[in-house]
N, C-alpha and C. Protein backbone atom coordinates (compact mmCIF):
# COMPACT_ATOMS: atom_id res chain seq x y z
N MET A 1 313.15 180.46 125.70
CA MET A 1 312.75 180.82 127.04
C MET A 1 313.32 179.85 128.06
N ILE A 2 313.23 178.55 127.80
CA ILE A 2 313.75 177.54 128.72
C ILE A 2 315.27 177.66 128.81
N ARG A 3 315.90 177.89 127.66
CA ARG A 3 317.36 178.03 127.66
C ARG A 3 317.79 179.24 128.47
N ALA A 4 317.09 180.36 128.34
CA ALA A 4 317.42 181.56 129.11
C ALA A 4 317.24 181.31 130.61
N SER A 5 316.19 180.60 130.97
CA SER A 5 315.96 180.27 132.38
C SER A 5 317.07 179.37 132.92
N PHE A 6 317.47 178.41 132.11
CA PHE A 6 318.55 177.51 132.51
C PHE A 6 319.84 178.29 132.72
N LEU A 7 320.17 179.19 131.79
CA LEU A 7 321.40 179.98 131.92
C LEU A 7 321.36 180.88 133.14
N LEU A 8 320.20 181.45 133.44
CA LEU A 8 320.06 182.29 134.62
C LEU A 8 320.26 181.45 135.88
N LEU A 9 319.66 180.28 135.92
CA LEU A 9 319.82 179.38 137.06
C LEU A 9 321.28 178.96 137.21
N LEU A 10 321.94 178.63 136.13
CA LEU A 10 323.34 178.25 136.17
C LEU A 10 324.20 179.39 136.69
N ALA A 11 323.93 180.61 136.25
CA ALA A 11 324.69 181.78 136.72
C ALA A 11 324.50 181.98 138.21
N CYS A 12 323.28 181.80 138.71
CA CYS A 12 323.00 181.94 140.14
C CYS A 12 323.74 180.88 140.95
N VAL A 13 323.73 179.66 140.45
CA VAL A 13 324.42 178.57 141.15
C VAL A 13 325.92 178.84 141.18
N LEU A 14 326.48 179.22 140.06
CA LEU A 14 327.92 179.49 140.01
C LEU A 14 328.30 180.69 140.87
N ALA A 15 327.47 181.68 140.93
CA ALA A 15 327.76 182.86 141.76
C ALA A 15 327.76 182.48 143.23
N GLY A 16 326.98 181.49 143.61
CA GLY A 16 326.92 181.06 145.00
C GLY A 16 328.07 180.14 145.39
N CYS A 17 328.80 179.64 144.43
CA CYS A 17 329.92 178.74 144.69
C CYS A 17 331.17 179.57 144.89
N LYS A 18 331.36 180.02 146.09
CA LYS A 18 332.52 180.86 146.38
C LYS A 18 333.72 179.97 146.66
N SER A 19 334.85 180.33 146.11
CA SER A 19 336.06 179.57 146.37
C SER A 19 336.61 179.95 147.75
N VAL A 20 337.33 179.03 148.32
CA VAL A 20 337.94 179.24 149.62
C VAL A 20 339.16 180.13 149.44
N PRO A 21 339.38 181.12 150.31
CA PRO A 21 340.57 181.95 150.18
C PRO A 21 341.83 181.10 150.32
N PRO A 22 342.92 181.53 149.72
CA PRO A 22 344.15 180.74 149.80
C PRO A 22 344.68 180.68 151.23
N PRO A 23 345.47 179.65 151.52
CA PRO A 23 346.07 179.54 152.86
C PRO A 23 346.97 180.74 153.17
N THR A 24 347.14 181.02 154.45
CA THR A 24 348.08 182.05 154.89
C THR A 24 349.47 181.66 154.42
N PRO A 25 350.22 182.59 153.82
CA PRO A 25 351.60 182.25 153.40
C PRO A 25 352.43 181.76 154.59
N LEU A 26 353.29 180.78 154.33
CA LEU A 26 354.13 180.22 155.40
C LEU A 26 354.95 181.30 156.09
N SER A 27 355.37 182.30 155.35
CA SER A 27 356.20 183.37 155.93
C SER A 27 355.43 184.24 156.92
N GLU A 28 354.11 184.14 156.94
CA GLU A 28 353.28 184.95 157.83
C GLU A 28 352.75 184.18 159.04
N LEU A 29 353.16 182.93 159.21
CA LEU A 29 352.70 182.14 160.33
C LEU A 29 353.43 182.54 161.61
N ASN A 30 352.72 182.47 162.76
CA ASN A 30 353.40 182.72 164.03
C ASN A 30 354.14 181.44 164.46
N ALA A 31 354.80 181.47 165.60
CA ALA A 31 355.62 180.33 166.04
C ALA A 31 354.78 179.06 166.23
N GLN A 32 353.61 179.19 166.84
CA GLN A 32 352.76 178.02 167.06
C GLN A 32 352.30 177.43 165.73
N GLN A 33 351.87 178.27 164.81
CA GLN A 33 351.41 177.80 163.51
C GLN A 33 352.55 177.18 162.71
N THR A 34 353.76 177.76 162.83
CA THR A 34 354.92 177.21 162.14
C THR A 34 355.24 175.81 162.66
N HIS A 35 355.17 175.64 163.97
CA HIS A 35 355.38 174.30 164.54
C HIS A 35 354.27 173.36 164.07
N GLY A 36 353.04 173.86 164.00
CA GLY A 36 351.94 173.05 163.50
C GLY A 36 352.16 172.60 162.07
N HIS A 37 352.76 173.48 161.26
CA HIS A 37 353.12 173.11 159.88
C HIS A 37 354.12 171.96 159.89
N ALA A 38 355.09 172.02 160.80
CA ALA A 38 356.08 170.94 160.91
C ALA A 38 355.40 169.63 161.34
N VAL A 39 354.46 169.72 162.26
CA VAL A 39 353.70 168.54 162.68
C VAL A 39 352.92 167.97 161.49
N PHE A 40 352.30 168.86 160.71
CA PHE A 40 351.56 168.43 159.52
C PHE A 40 352.50 167.70 158.56
N GLN A 41 353.68 168.27 158.35
CA GLN A 41 354.65 167.65 157.44
C GLN A 41 355.09 166.27 157.94
N ALA A 42 355.18 166.11 159.25
CA ALA A 42 355.63 164.84 159.82
C ALA A 42 354.53 163.78 159.86
N HIS A 43 353.28 164.20 160.02
CA HIS A 43 352.21 163.22 160.27
C HIS A 43 351.11 163.17 159.21
N CYS A 44 350.93 164.20 158.44
CA CYS A 44 349.72 164.31 157.62
C CYS A 44 349.97 164.40 156.12
N VAL A 45 351.14 164.90 155.73
CA VAL A 45 351.38 165.25 154.33
C VAL A 45 351.35 164.03 153.39
N ALA A 46 351.54 162.84 153.91
CA ALA A 46 351.51 161.66 153.04
C ALA A 46 350.11 161.42 152.47
N CYS A 47 349.08 161.91 153.19
CA CYS A 47 347.71 161.66 152.75
C CYS A 47 346.91 162.91 152.44
N HIS A 48 347.33 164.08 152.95
CA HIS A 48 346.54 165.31 152.80
C HIS A 48 347.38 166.45 152.24
N ASN A 49 346.83 167.16 151.26
CA ASN A 49 347.43 168.41 150.81
C ASN A 49 347.08 169.51 151.80
N ASP A 50 348.00 170.44 151.97
CA ASP A 50 347.71 171.59 152.83
C ASP A 50 347.86 172.91 152.09
N ARG A 51 348.50 172.93 150.97
CA ARG A 51 348.70 174.16 150.23
C ARG A 51 348.01 174.12 148.87
N ARG A 52 347.41 172.99 148.52
CA ARG A 52 346.68 172.83 147.26
C ARG A 52 345.30 172.28 147.55
N ASP A 53 344.30 172.80 146.88
CA ASP A 53 342.93 172.35 147.08
C ASP A 53 342.64 171.18 146.14
N ALA A 54 343.34 170.08 146.38
CA ALA A 54 343.14 168.87 145.59
C ALA A 54 343.35 167.68 146.52
N PRO A 55 342.53 166.65 146.40
CA PRO A 55 342.70 165.49 147.27
C PRO A 55 343.99 164.75 146.96
N LEU A 56 344.50 164.05 147.95
CA LEU A 56 345.66 163.18 147.77
C LEU A 56 345.12 161.78 148.07
N ASN A 57 345.62 161.09 149.09
CA ASN A 57 345.00 159.85 149.54
C ASN A 57 343.78 160.15 150.41
N GLY A 58 343.77 161.33 151.03
CA GLY A 58 342.66 161.83 151.81
C GLY A 58 342.30 163.21 151.28
N PRO A 59 341.28 163.83 151.83
CA PRO A 59 340.87 165.15 151.33
C PRO A 59 341.90 166.23 151.62
N SER A 60 341.89 167.26 150.79
CA SER A 60 342.74 168.43 151.02
C SER A 60 342.29 169.12 152.30
N MET A 61 343.23 169.70 153.01
CA MET A 61 342.91 170.43 154.23
C MET A 61 342.74 171.93 153.98
N VAL A 62 342.91 172.37 152.74
CA VAL A 62 342.72 173.78 152.41
C VAL A 62 341.29 174.19 152.75
N GLY A 63 341.16 175.20 153.57
CA GLY A 63 339.85 175.73 153.93
C GLY A 63 339.07 174.87 154.90
N VAL A 64 339.72 173.91 155.55
CA VAL A 64 338.99 172.95 156.38
C VAL A 64 338.16 173.63 157.47
N PHE A 65 338.66 174.71 158.07
CA PHE A 65 337.90 175.40 159.10
C PHE A 65 337.15 176.62 158.56
N LYS A 66 337.22 176.85 157.26
CA LYS A 66 336.47 177.94 156.64
C LYS A 66 335.13 177.44 156.10
N LYS A 67 334.94 176.14 156.17
CA LYS A 67 333.70 175.52 155.73
C LYS A 67 332.87 175.14 156.96
N GLN A 68 331.60 174.93 156.77
CA GLN A 68 330.73 174.58 157.89
C GLN A 68 330.98 173.16 158.38
N TYR A 69 331.37 172.27 157.46
CA TYR A 69 331.54 170.86 157.82
C TYR A 69 332.90 170.35 157.39
N LEU A 70 333.42 169.40 158.17
CA LEU A 70 334.63 168.68 157.80
C LEU A 70 334.30 167.73 156.65
N PRO A 71 335.31 167.22 155.94
CA PRO A 71 335.02 166.26 154.87
C PRO A 71 334.21 165.05 155.35
N SER A 72 334.27 164.74 156.63
CA SER A 72 333.51 163.61 157.18
C SER A 72 332.02 163.93 157.33
N GLY A 73 331.66 165.22 157.21
CA GLY A 73 330.28 165.63 157.41
C GLY A 73 330.03 166.14 158.82
N MET A 74 331.00 166.03 159.69
CA MET A 74 330.89 166.52 161.07
C MET A 74 331.13 168.03 161.07
N PRO A 75 330.67 168.74 162.11
CA PRO A 75 330.90 170.18 162.18
C PRO A 75 332.39 170.51 162.15
N ALA A 76 332.74 171.57 161.45
CA ALA A 76 334.15 171.99 161.34
C ALA A 76 334.51 172.80 162.58
N ASN A 77 334.90 172.09 163.63
CA ASN A 77 335.35 172.76 164.85
C ASN A 77 336.52 171.98 165.44
N ASP A 78 337.19 172.59 166.42
CA ASP A 78 338.38 171.96 167.01
C ASP A 78 338.05 170.61 167.64
N GLU A 79 336.90 170.52 168.30
CA GLU A 79 336.54 169.27 168.98
C GLU A 79 336.43 168.11 168.00
N ARG A 80 335.71 168.31 166.90
CA ARG A 80 335.53 167.22 165.93
C ARG A 80 336.82 166.91 165.19
N ALA A 81 337.59 167.95 164.84
CA ALA A 81 338.86 167.72 164.16
C ALA A 81 339.82 166.96 165.07
N THR A 82 339.86 167.33 166.35
CA THR A 82 340.72 166.64 167.31
C THR A 82 340.33 165.18 167.43
N ALA A 83 339.05 164.91 167.54
CA ALA A 83 338.58 163.52 167.65
C ALA A 83 339.00 162.71 166.43
N THR A 84 338.90 163.31 165.25
CA THR A 84 339.29 162.60 164.03
C THR A 84 340.79 162.34 164.01
N ILE A 85 341.58 163.34 164.39
CA ILE A 85 343.04 163.18 164.40
C ILE A 85 343.45 162.13 165.42
N VAL A 86 342.92 162.23 166.62
CA VAL A 86 343.33 161.34 167.71
C VAL A 86 342.84 159.91 167.50
N HIS A 87 341.59 159.74 167.12
CA HIS A 87 340.99 158.40 167.04
C HIS A 87 340.93 157.83 165.62
N GLY A 88 341.16 158.67 164.61
CA GLY A 88 341.04 158.21 163.23
C GLY A 88 339.59 158.14 162.81
N ARG A 89 339.39 157.88 161.52
CA ARG A 89 338.03 157.75 160.99
C ARG A 89 338.12 157.11 159.62
N ASN A 90 337.31 156.11 159.38
CA ASN A 90 337.32 155.38 158.10
C ASN A 90 338.74 154.95 157.76
N MET A 91 339.30 155.43 156.67
CA MET A 91 340.65 155.01 156.26
C MET A 91 341.76 155.78 156.97
N MET A 92 341.42 156.85 157.68
CA MET A 92 342.45 157.63 158.37
C MET A 92 342.85 156.94 159.66
N PRO A 93 344.13 156.63 159.80
CA PRO A 93 344.57 155.97 161.04
C PRO A 93 344.60 156.96 162.21
N ALA A 94 344.42 156.44 163.40
CA ALA A 94 344.51 157.25 164.61
C ALA A 94 345.93 157.79 164.76
N GLN A 95 346.03 159.06 165.14
CA GLN A 95 347.33 159.70 165.34
C GLN A 95 347.58 160.03 166.81
N GLY A 96 346.66 159.63 167.69
CA GLY A 96 346.76 159.98 169.10
C GLY A 96 348.03 159.53 169.77
N ASN A 97 348.59 158.41 169.36
CA ASN A 97 349.82 157.91 169.97
C ASN A 97 351.07 158.49 169.34
N THR A 98 350.92 159.31 168.32
CA THR A 98 352.09 159.79 167.59
C THR A 98 352.44 161.25 167.87
N MET A 99 351.59 161.94 168.64
CA MET A 99 351.88 163.35 168.94
C MET A 99 351.37 163.67 170.34
N ASP A 100 352.05 164.64 170.97
CA ASP A 100 351.61 165.04 172.31
C ASP A 100 350.58 166.17 172.20
N ALA A 101 350.07 166.61 173.35
CA ALA A 101 349.01 167.62 173.37
C ALA A 101 349.45 168.93 172.72
N GLN A 102 350.72 169.32 172.92
CA GLN A 102 351.20 170.57 172.32
C GLN A 102 351.27 170.45 170.80
N ASP A 103 351.74 169.30 170.30
CA ASP A 103 351.76 169.07 168.85
C ASP A 103 350.35 169.17 168.28
N LEU A 104 349.39 168.57 168.96
CA LEU A 104 348.01 168.59 168.49
C LEU A 104 347.46 170.02 168.48
N ASP A 105 347.71 170.78 169.55
CA ASP A 105 347.27 172.19 169.59
C ASP A 105 347.90 173.00 168.47
N ASP A 106 349.19 172.77 168.25
CA ASP A 106 349.89 173.52 167.19
C ASP A 106 349.38 173.11 165.81
N LEU A 107 349.10 171.83 165.62
CA LEU A 107 348.54 171.36 164.35
C LEU A 107 347.19 172.02 164.09
N LEU A 108 346.33 172.07 165.10
CA LEU A 108 345.03 172.73 164.93
C LEU A 108 345.21 174.21 164.59
N ALA A 109 346.17 174.88 165.25
CA ALA A 109 346.42 176.30 164.95
C ALA A 109 346.83 176.45 163.49
N TYR A 110 347.66 175.53 163.00
CA TYR A 110 348.07 175.57 161.59
C TYR A 110 346.88 175.32 160.66
N LEU A 111 346.06 174.32 160.98
CA LEU A 111 344.91 174.01 160.12
C LEU A 111 343.97 175.20 160.00
N HIS A 112 343.89 176.02 161.03
CA HIS A 112 343.05 177.22 160.97
C HIS A 112 343.60 178.26 159.99
N THR A 113 344.85 178.15 159.60
CA THR A 113 345.43 179.11 158.65
C THR A 113 345.21 178.70 157.20
N LEU A 114 344.70 177.50 157.01
CA LEU A 114 344.55 176.99 155.64
C LEU A 114 343.27 177.47 154.99
């Protein structure tokens, strides 16, 4: 009886663990998102995966805006993501001096496709 209850509970927990849908294929990105991908490649790829849901030096960005919270625990929205990118957080260095406003907007547009 206890084993059956445990298995039922495990099945319920696993059923609630929905995987994040895969990122939009690169071939389907619009011009802004494509430029955002280039910005990601220039500034972020050394520490973050964008096409694989596995951490690198920092957390994977796959599904970052499809979840309720960012890896930092802050709400997953443009305002909090921008603050983290511009000012840095914990081990992530600030990127505010390395990209202009258009690059940042395009990067956010790309992150929304992941």
